[in-house]
C-alpha cells in the first residue's frame, strides 16, 4: 500500500481508525501505457519462441548453447551431444546442411502473399501464432499450399507482417480464428459496422465502455478481451479507432445503445438495439 501511495495510485491514511483506501482516477495515458506493456510482453514471448527455434536449428554444441542462455561460457563438449557426437563424413555434411540456419530473407510483399494464401486455404483454423508456424513449416501444423513457404524466416518479423495484415483489415478474427476479408466490411459500409457493434456488445461476457468496445472491435493490443473469448474480436480492424468510437456514438444517439453510470459509463443495448439485432439475424437467415 505504501508503494502504491508513493506512485499516486491510491491514498493511504494510517491514522488511528479503520484503513481508508481511495482509488485515484485513471491517468490520461493509462491506455497508452497498457498498450506498451502488452506489446512488450508480446515481443518477449516472440523472442522466446525464436530462441527455442534457433536452438533446435543450431549447428553447434548443445551444452555450450545452454550455458550461454544462462550467461555462462564453456567449451564444446566434444562428444556428449548430437552436434558433437562423431559422425561419418557423409552424415556429418548432410547434418550440417540440414541444421544450418537459413540466411533467406523474405520481403513484406512475399510474406503477406503467403499469409493470405494460407488463411484462404485454412479458413477458421489458424490464429496468428499458428499461421506463422505454418508459413515456417513447423511440424505438427496443418498442411496447405503455403506450408513451409517461408522456411528459415524470422518468427517475430513474420508475425509482425501478419499483425499488419490484421490492422490493415485484410485479415480478421471470426470465432477465434483468422479469415480473409474480401471487401465485405467496405461493401457493407455503415451497416456492417452497425451490426458488428451491436453483435459484439451483446456477446461480451462483461460490460465495457466506449473505449473498451472500440478496442475489441479494432483488435487493439489493449483490448479487454481476446479472440479466444470473443467471436467479433477485430471485426472492424479495417477502421480506425476514432471511426469505431464515432459509430458507437451514432448508435447511442439513435437510441440503440445507452450509457449507464456516471464515473465510468458502461454501454448497454436498448430494446431498440435488441430489435435491430433480431432483424439482422432474420435477414441473414433469409439471405
C-alpha atoms as a PDB file:
ATOM      1  CA  UNK A   1       0.000   0.000   0.000  1.00  0.00           C
ATOM      2  CA  UNK A   2       2.810   2.396   0.811  1.00  0.00           C
ATOM      3  CA  UNK A   3       4.424   1.724  -2.572  1.00  0.00           C
ATOM      4  CA  UNK A   4       1.128   2.350  -4.348  1.00  0.00           C
ATOM      5  CA  UNK A   5       0.700   5.512  -2.303  1.00  0.00           C
ATOM      6  CA  UNK A   6       4.138   6.747  -3.394  1.00  0.00           C
ATOM      7  CA  UNK A   7       3.178   6.090  -7.027  1.00  0.00           C
ATOM      8  CA  UNK A   8      -0.039   8.131  -6.640  1.00  0.00           C
ATOM      9  CA  UNK A   9      -2.154   5.082  -7.431  1.00  0.00           C
ATOM     10  CA  UNK A  10      -4.183   5.438  -4.221  1.00  0.00           C
ATOM     11  CA  UNK A  11      -4.277   7.416  -0.994  1.00  0.00           C
ATOM     12  CA  UNK A  12      -3.287   5.631   2.192  1.00  0.00           C
ATOM     13  CA  UNK A  13      -4.289   7.054   5.575  1.00  0.00           C
ATOM     14  CA  UNK A  14      -2.781   5.161   8.507  1.00  0.00           C
ATOM     15  CA  UNK A  15      -4.455   7.199  11.256  1.00  0.00           C
ATOM     16  CA  UNK A  16      -5.873   5.509  14.367  1.00  0.00           C
ATOM     17  CA  UNK A  17      -9.051   4.326  12.694  1.00  0.00           C
ATOM     18  CA  UNK A  18     -10.099   1.894  10.006  1.00  0.00           C
ATOM     19  CA  UNK A  19      -7.858   1.994   6.967  1.00  0.00           C
ATOM     20  CA  UNK A  20      -9.360   4.112   4.212  1.00  0.00           C
ATOM     21  CA  UNK A  21      -8.470   3.334   0.609  1.00  0.00           C
ATOM     22  CA  UNK A  22      -9.430   5.731  -2.140  1.00  0.00           C
ATOM     23  CA  UNK A  23      -8.961   4.786  -5.779  1.00  0.00           C
ATOM     24  CA  UNK A  24      -7.390   7.545  -7.795  1.00  0.00           C
ATOM     25  CA  UNK A  25      -8.838   8.321 -11.235  1.00  0.00           C
ATOM     26  CA  UNK A  26      -7.018   6.669 -14.112  1.00  0.00           C
ATOM     27  CA  UNK A  27      -4.368   8.819 -15.756  1.00  0.00           C
ATOM     28  CA  UNK A  28      -4.854  10.134 -19.248  1.00  0.00           C
ATOM     29  CA  UNK A  29      -2.017   7.953 -20.540  1.00  0.00           C
ATOM     30  CA  UNK A  30      -3.258   4.703 -18.976  1.00  0.00           C
ATOM     31  CA  UNK A  31      -4.412   3.323 -22.338  1.00  0.00           C
ATOM     32  CA  UNK A  32      -1.061   4.017 -23.984  1.00  0.00           C
ATOM     33  CA  UNK A  33       0.796   2.513 -21.012  1.00  0.00           C
ATOM     34  CA  UNK A  34      -1.279  -0.666 -21.155  1.00  0.00           C
ATOM     35  CA  UNK A  35      -0.730  -0.950 -24.910  1.00  0.00           C
ATOM     36  CA  UNK A  36       3.020  -0.524 -24.428  1.00  0.00           C
ATOM     37  CA  UNK A  37       3.049  -3.143 -21.647  1.00  0.00           C
ATOM     38  CA  UNK A  38       1.124  -5.689 -23.725  1.00  0.00           C
ATOM     39  CA  UNK A  39       3.338  -5.046 -26.748  1.00  0.00           C
ATOM     40  CA  UNK A  40       6.410  -5.576 -24.582  1.00  0.00           C
ATOM     41  CA  UNK A  41       5.023  -8.900 -23.314  1.00  0.00           C
ATOM     42  CA  UNK A  42       4.248  -9.975 -26.889  1.00  0.00           C
ATOM     43  CA  UNK A  43       7.787  -9.103 -28.015  1.00  0.00           C
ATOM     44  CA  UNK A  44       9.260 -11.098 -25.130  1.00  0.00           C
ATOM     45  CA  UNK A  45       7.180 -14.159 -25.949  1.00  0.00           C
ATOM     46  CA  UNK A  46       8.090 -13.944 -29.640  1.00  0.00           C
ATOM     47  CA  UNK A  47      11.773 -13.653 -28.688  1.00  0.00           C
ATOM     48  CA  UNK A  48      11.483 -16.779 -26.518  1.00  0.00           C
ATOM     49  CA  UNK A  49       9.910 -18.733 -29.366  1.00  0.00           C
ATOM     50  CA  UNK A  50      12.658 -17.575 -31.707  1.00  0.00           C
ATOM     51  CA  UNK A  51      15.338 -18.550 -29.159  1.00  0.00           C
ATOM     52  CA  UNK A  52      13.898 -22.068 -28.885  1.00  0.00           C
ATOM     53  CA  UNK A  53      13.683 -22.366 -32.668  1.00  0.00           C
ATOM     54  CA  UNK A  54      17.277 -21.169 -33.046  1.00  0.00           C
ATOM     55  CA  UNK A  55      18.416 -23.779 -30.526  1.00  0.00           C
ATOM     56  CA  UNK A  56      16.606 -26.540 -32.425  1.00  0.00           C
ATOM     57  CA  UNK A  57      18.035 -25.416 -35.774  1.00  0.00           C
ATOM     58  CA  UNK A  58      21.514 -24.728 -34.429  1.00  0.00           C
ATOM     59  CA  UNK A  59      24.626 -26.483 -35.688  1.00  0.00           C
ATOM     60  CA  UNK A  60      26.860 -26.085 -32.625  1.00  0.00           C
ATOM     61  CA  UNK A  61      27.345 -27.756 -29.257  1.00  0.00           C
ATOM     62  CA  UNK A  62      24.057 -28.053 -27.355  1.00  0.00           C
ATOM     63  CA  UNK A  63      25.755 -27.763 -23.956  1.00  0.00           C
ATOM     64  CA  UNK A  64      27.546 -24.609 -24.982  1.00  0.00           C
ATOM     65  CA  UNK A  65      24.295 -23.059 -26.241  1.00  0.00           C
ATOM     66  CA  UNK A  66      22.504 -23.858 -22.963  1.00  0.00           C
ATOM     67  CA  UNK A  67      25.377 -22.415 -20.936  1.00  0.00           C
ATOM     68  CA  UNK A  68      25.238 -19.180 -22.941  1.00  0.00           C
ATOM     69  CA  UNK A  69      21.499 -18.965 -22.287  1.00  0.00           C
ATOM     70  CA  UNK A  70      22.250 -18.804 -18.544  1.00  0.00           C
ATOM     71  CA  UNK A  71      25.080 -16.316 -19.018  1.00  0.00           C
ATOM     72  CA  UNK A  72      27.926 -18.815 -18.708  1.00  0.00           C
ATOM     73  CA  UNK A  73      30.751 -19.763 -21.049  1.00  0.00           C
ATOM     74  CA  UNK A  74      32.104 -23.217 -21.716  1.00  0.00           C
ATOM     75  CA  UNK A  75      33.957 -25.108 -24.394  1.00  0.00           C
ATOM     76  CA  UNK A  76      32.187 -27.523 -26.717  1.00  0.00           C
ATOM     77  CA  UNK A  77      31.600 -30.884 -25.036  1.00  0.00           C
ATOM     78  CA  UNK A  78      33.236 -32.702 -27.950  1.00  0.00           C
ATOM     79  CA  UNK A  79      31.186 -35.907 -27.856  1.00  0.00           C
ATOM     80  CA  UNK A  80      28.222 -35.715 -25.456  1.00  0.00           C
ATOM     81  CA  UNK A  81      25.543 -34.065 -27.636  1.00  0.00           C
ATOM     82  CA  UNK A  82      24.110 -34.768 -31.075  1.00  0.00           C
ATOM     83  CA  UNK A  83      26.090 -31.857 -32.552  1.00  0.00           C
ATOM     84  CA  UNK A  84      29.454 -33.024 -31.222  1.00  0.00           C
ATOM     85  CA  UNK A  85      28.993 -36.803 -31.436  1.00  0.00           C
ATOM     86  CA  UNK A  86      31.253 -38.406 -34.070  1.00  0.00           C
ATOM     87  CA  UNK A  87      29.598 -38.953 -37.453  1.00  0.00           C
ATOM     88  CA  UNK A  88      30.948 -40.372 -40.672  1.00  0.00           C
ATOM     89  CA  UNK A  89      31.851 -37.801 -43.312  1.00  0.00           C
ATOM     90  CA  UNK A  90      28.718 -38.132 -45.420  1.00  0.00           C
ATOM     91  CA  UNK A  91      26.328 -37.977 -42.468  1.00  0.00           C
ATOM     92  CA  UNK A  92      28.167 -35.007 -40.941  1.00  0.00           C
ATOM     93  CA  UNK A  93      27.951 -32.979 -44.167  1.00  0.00           C
ATOM     94  CA  UNK A  94      24.266 -33.830 -44.582  1.00  0.00           C
ATOM     95  CA  UNK A  95      23.539 -32.962 -40.951  1.00  0.00           C
ATOM     96  CA  UNK A  96      25.388 -29.654 -41.209  1.00  0.00           C
ATOM     97  CA  UNK A  97      23.460 -28.695 -44.338  1.00  0.00           C
ATOM     98  CA  UNK A  98      20.148 -29.689 -42.762  1.00  0.00           C
ATOM     99  CA  UNK A  99      20.769 -27.913 -39.438  1.00  0.00           C
ATOM    100  CA  UNK A 100      22.402 -24.770 -40.719  1.00  0.00           C
ATOM    101  CA  UNK A 101      20.141 -21.761 -40.132  1.00  0.00           C
ATOM    102  CA  UNK A 102      18.751 -20.263 -43.308  1.00  0.00           C
ATOM    103  CA  UNK A 103      20.008 -16.873 -44.411  1.00  0.00           C
ATOM    104  CA  UNK A 104      16.989 -16.303 -46.673  1.00  0.00           C
ATOM    105  CA  UNK A 105      15.169 -13.022 -46.111  1.00  0.00           C
ATOM    106  CA  UNK A 106      11.599 -12.610 -47.289  1.00  0.00           C
ATOM    107  CA  UNK A 107      10.127  -9.227 -48.144  1.00  0.00           C
ATOM    108  CA  UNK A 108       6.815  -7.949 -46.731  1.00  0.00           C
ATOM    109  CA  UNK A 109       5.040  -8.482 -50.062  1.00  0.00           C
ATOM    110  CA  UNK A 110       6.094 -12.129 -50.302  1.00  0.00           C
ATOM    111  CA  UNK A 111       5.275 -12.733 -46.637  1.00  0.00           C
ATOM    112  CA  UNK A 112       1.861 -11.101 -46.995  1.00  0.00           C
ATOM    113  CA  UNK A 113       1.018 -13.127 -50.100  1.00  0.00           C
ATOM    114  CA  UNK A 114       1.958 -16.394 -48.378  1.00  0.00           C
ATOM    115  CA  UNK A 115      -0.025 -15.492 -45.253  1.00  0.00           C
ATOM    116  CA  UNK A 116      -3.141 -14.589 -47.224  1.00  0.00           C
ATOM    117  CA  UNK A 117      -2.892 -17.790 -49.258  1.00  0.00           C
ATOM    118  CA  UNK A 118      -2.558 -19.919 -46.113  1.00  0.00           C
ATOM    119  CA  UNK A 119      -5.536 -18.288 -44.389  1.00  0.00           C
ATOM    120  CA  UNK A 120      -7.599 -18.586 -47.565  1.00  0.00           C
ATOM    121  CA  UNK A 121      -6.960 -22.334 -47.670  1.00  0.00           C
ATOM    122  CA  UNK A 122      -7.247 -22.927 -43.909  1.00  0.00           C
ATOM    123  CA  UNK A 123     -10.058 -20.530 -43.027  1.00  0.00           C
ATOM    124  CA  UNK A 124     -11.188 -20.667 -39.419  1.00  0.00           C
ATOM    125  CA  UNK A 125      -8.339 -22.944 -38.301  1.00  0.00           C
ATOM    126  CA  UNK A 126      -5.429 -20.625 -37.542  1.00  0.00           C
ATOM    127  CA  UNK A 127      -4.554 -17.915 -35.074  1.00  0.00           C
ATOM    128  CA  UNK A 128      -1.600 -15.556 -35.545  1.00  0.00           C
ATOM    129  CA  UNK A 129       0.961 -17.904 -33.995  1.00  0.00           C
ATOM    130  CA  UNK A 130      -0.436 -20.919 -35.856  1.00  0.00           C
ATOM    131  CA  UNK A 131      -0.292 -19.043 -39.158  1.00  0.00           C
ATOM    132  CA  UNK A 132       3.356 -18.107 -38.662  1.00  0.00           C
ATOM    133  CA  UNK A 133       4.239 -21.710 -37.757  1.00  0.00           C
ATOM    134  CA  UNK A 134       2.500 -22.938 -40.927  1.00  0.00           C
ATOM    135  CA  UNK A 135       4.460 -20.466 -43.057  1.00  0.00           C
ATOM    136  CA  UNK A 136       7.738 -21.509 -41.415  1.00  0.00           C
ATOM    137  CA  UNK A 137       6.937 -25.187 -41.953  1.00  0.00           C
ATOM    138  CA  UNK A 138       6.846 -26.145 -38.274  1.00  0.00           C
ATOM    139  CA  UNK A 139       5.997 -29.866 -37.855  1.00  0.00           C
ATOM    140  CA  UNK A 140       2.582 -30.629 -36.387  1.00  0.00           C
ATOM    141  CA  UNK A 141       0.698 -27.754 -38.014  1.00  0.00           C
ATOM    142  CA  UNK A 142      -1.922 -28.119 -40.798  1.00  0.00           C
ATOM    143  CA  UNK A 143      -0.571 -28.648 -44.292  1.00  0.00           C
ATOM    144  CA  UNK A 144      -1.508 -26.333 -47.140  1.00  0.00           C
ATOM    145  CA  UNK A 145      -0.019 -24.894 -50.310  1.00  0.00           C
ATOM    146  CA  UNK A 146       1.860 -22.227 -48.331  1.00  0.00           C
ATOM    147  CA  UNK A 147       3.195 -24.641 -45.687  1.00  0.00           C
ATOM    148  CA  UNK A 148       6.938 -24.046 -45.288  1.00  0.00           C
ATOM    149  CA  UNK A 149       6.929 -21.346 -47.968  1.00  0.00           C
ATOM    150  CA  UNK A 150       8.845 -19.024 -45.608  1.00  0.00           C
ATOM    151  CA  UNK A 151      11.096 -21.690 -44.103  1.00  0.00           C
ATOM    152  CA  UNK A 152      14.027 -20.144 -42.267  1.00  0.00           C
ATOM    153  CA  UNK A 153      12.376 -16.743 -41.844  1.00  0.00           C
ATOM    154  CA  UNK A 154      12.477 -14.863 -38.552  1.00  0.00           C
ATOM    155  CA  UNK A 155       9.438 -15.741 -36.410  1.00  0.00           C
ATOM    156  CA  UNK A 156       8.985 -12.278 -34.890  1.00  0.00           C
ATOM    157  CA  UNK A 157       9.365 -10.498 -38.235  1.00  0.00           C
ATOM    158  CA  UNK A 158       6.854 -12.823 -39.894  1.00  0.00           C
ATOM    159  CA  UNK A 159       4.353 -12.354 -37.081  1.00  0.00           C
ATOM    160  CA  UNK A 160       4.743  -8.581 -37.363  1.00  0.00           C
ATOM    161  CA  UNK A 161       3.680  -8.788 -41.021  1.00  0.00           C
ATOM    162  CA  UNK A 162       0.662 -10.922 -40.058  1.00  0.00           C
ATOM    163  CA  UNK A 163      -0.299  -8.388 -37.375  1.00  0.00           C
ATOM    164  CA  UNK A 164      -0.025  -5.678 -40.020  1.00  0.00           C
ATOM    165  CA  UNK A 165      -2.470  -7.553 -42.249  1.00  0.00           C
ATOM    166  CA  UNK A 166      -4.968  -7.675 -39.380  1.00  0.00           C
ATOM    167  CA  UNK A 167      -4.517  -3.984 -38.607  1.00  0.00           C
ATOM    168  CA  UNK A 168      -4.970  -3.152 -42.298  1.00  0.00           C
ATOM    169  CA  UNK A 169      -8.239  -5.087 -42.433  1.00  0.00           C
ATOM    170  CA  UNK A 170      -7.034  -7.760 -44.863  1.00  0.00           C
ATOM    171  CA  UNK A 171      -7.375 -10.481 -42.220  1.00  0.00           C
ATOM    172  CA  UNK A 172      -9.869 -10.598 -39.360  1.00  0.00           C
ATOM    173  CA  UNK A 173     -10.785 -12.858 -36.456  1.00  0.00           C
ATOM    174  CA  UNK A 174     -14.019 -14.813 -36.687  1.00  0.00           C
ATOM    175  CA  UNK A 175     -14.851 -17.268 -33.894  1.00  0.00           C
ATOM    176  CA  UNK A 176     -11.279 -17.098 -32.543  1.00  0.00           C
ATOM    177  CA  UNK A 177      -9.590 -17.841 -35.868  1.00  0.00           C
ATOM    178  CA  UNK A 178      -8.359 -15.824 -38.835  1.00  0.00           C
ATOM    179  CA  UNK A 179     -10.345 -15.463 -42.043  1.00  0.00           C
ATOM    180  CA  UNK A 180      -9.619 -13.363 -45.138  1.00  0.00           C
ATOM    181  CA  UNK A 181     -11.516 -10.110 -45.596  1.00  0.00           C
ATOM    182  CA  UNK A 182     -12.804  -9.920 -49.151  1.00  0.00           C
ATOM    183  CA  UNK A 183     -14.135  -6.398 -49.154  1.00  0.00           C
ATOM    184  CA  UNK A 184     -17.186  -7.289 -47.078  1.00  0.00           C
ATOM    185  CA  UNK A 185     -16.636  -4.539 -44.481  1.00  0.00           C
ATOM    186  CA  UNK A 186     -16.096  -1.872 -47.132  1.00  0.00           C
ATOM    187  CA  UNK A 187     -19.035  -3.069 -49.189  1.00  0.00           C
ATOM    188  CA  UNK A 188     -21.322  -3.223 -46.168  1.00  0.00           C
ATOM    189  CA  UNK A 189     -20.175   0.208 -45.030  1.00  0.00           C
ATOM    190  CA  UNK A 190     -22.131   1.655 -42.122  1.00  0.00           C
ATOM    191  CA  UNK A 191     -24.483  -1.358 -41.991  1.00  0.00           C
ATOM    192  CA  UNK A 192     -21.569  -3.720 -41.412  1.00  0.00           C
ATOM    193  CA  UNK A 193     -20.156  -1.535 -38.621  1.00  0.00           C
ATOM    194  CA  UNK A 194     -23.634  -1.065 -37.127  1.00  0.00           C
ATOM    195  CA  UNK A 195     -24.235  -4.822 -36.942  1.00  0.00           C
ATOM    196  CA  UNK A 196     -20.730  -5.567 -35.641  1.00  0.00           C
ATOM    197  CA  UNK A 197     -21.007  -3.076 -32.765  1.00  0.00           C
ATOM    198  CA  UNK A 198     -24.383  -4.388 -31.578  1.00  0.00           C
ATOM    199  CA  UNK A 199     -23.455  -8.041 -32.018  1.00  0.00           C
ATOM    200  CA  UNK A 200     -20.120  -7.675 -30.218  1.00  0.00           C
ATOM    201  CA  UNK A 201     -21.606  -5.837 -27.228  1.00  0.00           C
ATOM    202  CA  UNK A 202     -24.380  -8.422 -26.939  1.00  0.00           C
ATOM    203  CA  UNK A 203     -21.875 -11.291 -26.856  1.00  0.00           C
ATOM    204  CA  UNK A 204     -19.321  -9.844 -24.442  1.00  0.00           C
ATOM    205  CA  UNK A 205     -19.295 -11.658 -21.065  1.00  0.00           C
ATOM    206  CA  UNK A 206     -18.900  -8.369 -19.158  1.00  0.00           C
ATOM    207  CA  UNK A 207     -19.811  -4.709 -19.523  1.00  0.00           C
ATOM    208  CA  UNK A 208     -17.427  -2.287 -21.252  1.00  0.00           C
ATOM    209  CA  UNK A 209     -17.300   1.393 -22.066  1.00  0.00           C
ATOM    210  CA  UNK A 210     -16.944   3.057 -25.436  1.00  0.00           C
ATOM    211  CA  UNK A 211     -13.141   2.852 -25.485  1.00  0.00           C
ATOM    212  CA  UNK A 212     -13.078  -0.816 -24.424  1.00  0.00           C
ATOM    213  CA  UNK A 213     -15.644  -1.848 -27.034  1.00  0.00           C
ATOM    214  CA  UNK A 214     -13.762   0.040 -29.743  1.00  0.00           C
ATOM    215  CA  UNK A 215     -10.524  -1.771 -28.840  1.00  0.00           C
ATOM    216  CA  UNK A 216     -12.233  -5.164 -29.030  1.00  0.00           C
ATOM    217  CA  UNK A 217     -13.687  -4.400 -32.461  1.00  0.00           C
ATOM    218  CA  UNK A 218     -10.370  -2.964 -33.643  1.00  0.00           C
ATOM    219  CA  UNK A 219      -8.376  -5.895 -32.262  1.00  0.00           C
ATOM    220  CA  UNK A 220      -6.066  -3.460 -30.472  1.00  0.00           C
ATOM    221  CA  UNK A 221      -3.306  -4.595 -28.130  1.00  0.00           C
ATOM    222  CA  UNK A 222      -5.102  -3.030 -25.150  1.00  0.00           C
ATOM    223  CA  UNK A 223      -8.357  -4.897 -25.798  1.00  0.00           C
ATOM    224  CA  UNK A 224     -10.014  -6.137 -22.563  1.00  0.00           C
ATOM    225  CA  UNK A 225     -10.719  -9.477 -24.248  1.00  0.00           C
ATOM    226  CA  UNK A 226      -9.010 -11.580 -26.902  1.00  0.00           C
ATOM    227  CA  UNK A 227     -10.113 -13.655 -29.902  1.00  0.00           C
ATOM    228  CA  UNK A 228     -10.355 -16.779 -27.748  1.00  0.00           C
ATOM    229  CA  UNK A 229     -13.359 -15.324 -25.872  1.00  0.00           C
ATOM    230  CA  UNK A 230     -14.982 -13.040 -28.427  1.00  0.00           C
ATOM    231  CA  UNK A 231     -16.021 -14.113 -31.918  1.00  0.00           C
ATOM    232  CA  UNK A 232     -16.215 -10.475 -33.063  1.00  0.00           C
ATOM    233  CA  UNK A 233     -12.680  -9.588 -31.989  1.00  0.00           C
ATOM    234  CA  UNK A 234     -11.078  -7.390 -34.709  1.00  0.00           C
ATOM    235  CA  UNK A 235     -14.296  -7.450 -36.757  1.00  0.00           C
ATOM    236  CA  UNK A 236     -13.685  -3.777 -37.612  1.00  0.00           C
ATOM    237  CA  UNK A 237      -9.904  -3.970 -37.905  1.00  0.00           C
ATOM    238  CA  UNK A 238     -10.122  -2.098 -41.214  1.00  0.00           C
ATOM    239  CA  UNK A 239     -11.481   1.001 -39.426  1.00  0.00           C
ATOM    240  CA  UNK A 240      -9.597   3.470 -37.245  1.00  0.00           C
ATOM    241  CA  UNK A 241     -10.288   3.562 -33.521  1.00  0.00           C
ATOM    242  CA  UNK A 242     -11.789   7.036 -33.866  1.00  0.00           C
ATOM    243  CA  UNK A 243     -14.157   5.842 -36.607  1.00  0.00           C
ATOM    244  CA  UNK A 244     -15.328   2.923 -34.454  1.00  0.00           C
ATOM    245  CA  UNK A 245     -15.966   5.235 -31.499  1.00  0.00           C
ATOM    246  CA  UNK A 246     -17.884   7.568 -33.815  1.00  0.00           C
ATOM    247  CA  UNK A 247     -20.098   4.641 -34.884  1.00  0.00           C
ATOM    248  CA  UNK A 248     -20.726   3.805 -31.214  1.00  0.00           C
ATOM    249  CA  UNK A 249     -21.726   7.422 -30.560  1.00  0.00           C
ATOM    250  CA  UNK A 250     -24.090   7.254 -33.548  1.00  0.00           C
ATOM    251  CA  UNK A 251     -25.809   4.207 -32.075  1.00  0.00           C
ATOM    252  CA  UNK A 252     -26.134   5.984 -28.729  1.00  0.00           C
ATOM    253  CA  UNK A 253     -27.709   8.969 -30.471  1.00  0.00           C
ATOM    254  CA  UNK A 254     -30.103   6.689 -32.376  1.00  0.00           C
ATOM    255  CA  UNK A 255     -31.242   5.054 -29.134  1.00  0.00           C
ATOM    256  CA  UNK A 256     -29.874   1.570 -29.884  1.00  0.00           C
ATOM    257  CA  UNK A 257     -27.211   1.874 -27.175  1.00  0.00           C
ATOM    258  CA  UNK A 258     -27.227   3.726 -23.876  1.00  0.00           C
ATOM    259  CA  UNK A 259     -24.694   4.664 -21.226  1.00  0.00           C
ATOM    260  CA  UNK A 260     -25.114   3.582 -17.614  1.00  0.00           C
ATOM    261  CA  UNK A 261     -23.165   5.015 -14.702  1.00  0.00           C
ATOM    262  CA  UNK A 262     -21.545   8.394 -14.268  1.00  0.00           C
ATOM    263  CA  UNK A 263     -17.950   7.978 -13.138  1.00  0.00           C
ATOM    264  CA  UNK A 264     -17.167   5.112 -15.531  1.00  0.00           C
ATOM    265  CA  UNK A 265     -20.056   4.977 -18.031  1.00  0.00           C
ATOM    266  CA  UNK A 266     -20.638   1.500 -19.439  1.00  0.00           C
ATOM    267  CA  UNK A 267     -22.561   0.619 -22.569  1.00  0.00           C
ATOM    268  CA  UNK A 268     -25.769  -1.391 -22.749  1.00  0.00           C
ATOM    269  CA  UNK A 269     -28.081  -2.377 -25.595  1.00  0.00           C
ATOM    270  CA  UNK A 270     -31.563  -0.883 -25.515  1.00  0.00           C
ATOM    271  CA  UNK A 271     -34.772  -2.604 -26.624  1.00  0.00           C
ATOM    272  CA  UNK A 272     -34.401  -0.838 -29.939  1.00  0.00           C
ATOM    273  CA  UNK A 273     -30.913  -2.269 -30.343  1.00  0.00           C
ATOM    274  CA  UNK A 274     -32.136  -5.776 -29.485  1.00  0.00           C
ATOM    275  CA  UNK A 275     -34.854  -5.435 -32.122  1.00  0.00           C
ATOM    276  CA  UNK A 276     -32.251  -4.371 -34.691  1.00  0.00           C
ATOM    277  CA  UNK A 277     -30.148  -7.432 -33.848  1.00  0.00           C
ATOM    278  CA  UNK A 278     -33.144  -9.705 -34.362  1.00  0.00           C
ATOM    279  CA  UNK A 279     -33.907  -8.093 -37.718  1.00  0.00           C
ATOM    280  CA  UNK A 280     -30.290  -8.609 -38.819  1.00  0.00           C
ATOM    281  CA  UNK A 281     -30.407 -12.267 -37.757  1.00  0.00           C
ATOM    282  CA  UNK A 282     -33.637 -12.815 -39.701  1.00  0.00           C
ATOM    283  CA  UNK A 283     -32.152 -11.116 -42.767  1.00  0.00           C
ATOM    284  CA  UNK A 284     -29.104 -13.396 -42.586  1.00  0.00           C
ATOM    285  CA  UNK A 285     -31.344 -16.472 -42.366  1.00  0.00           C
ATOM    286  CA  UNK A 286     -33.402 -15.358 -45.363  1.00  0.00           C
ATOM    287  CA  UNK A 287     -30.349 -14.283 -47.361  1.00  0.00           C
END
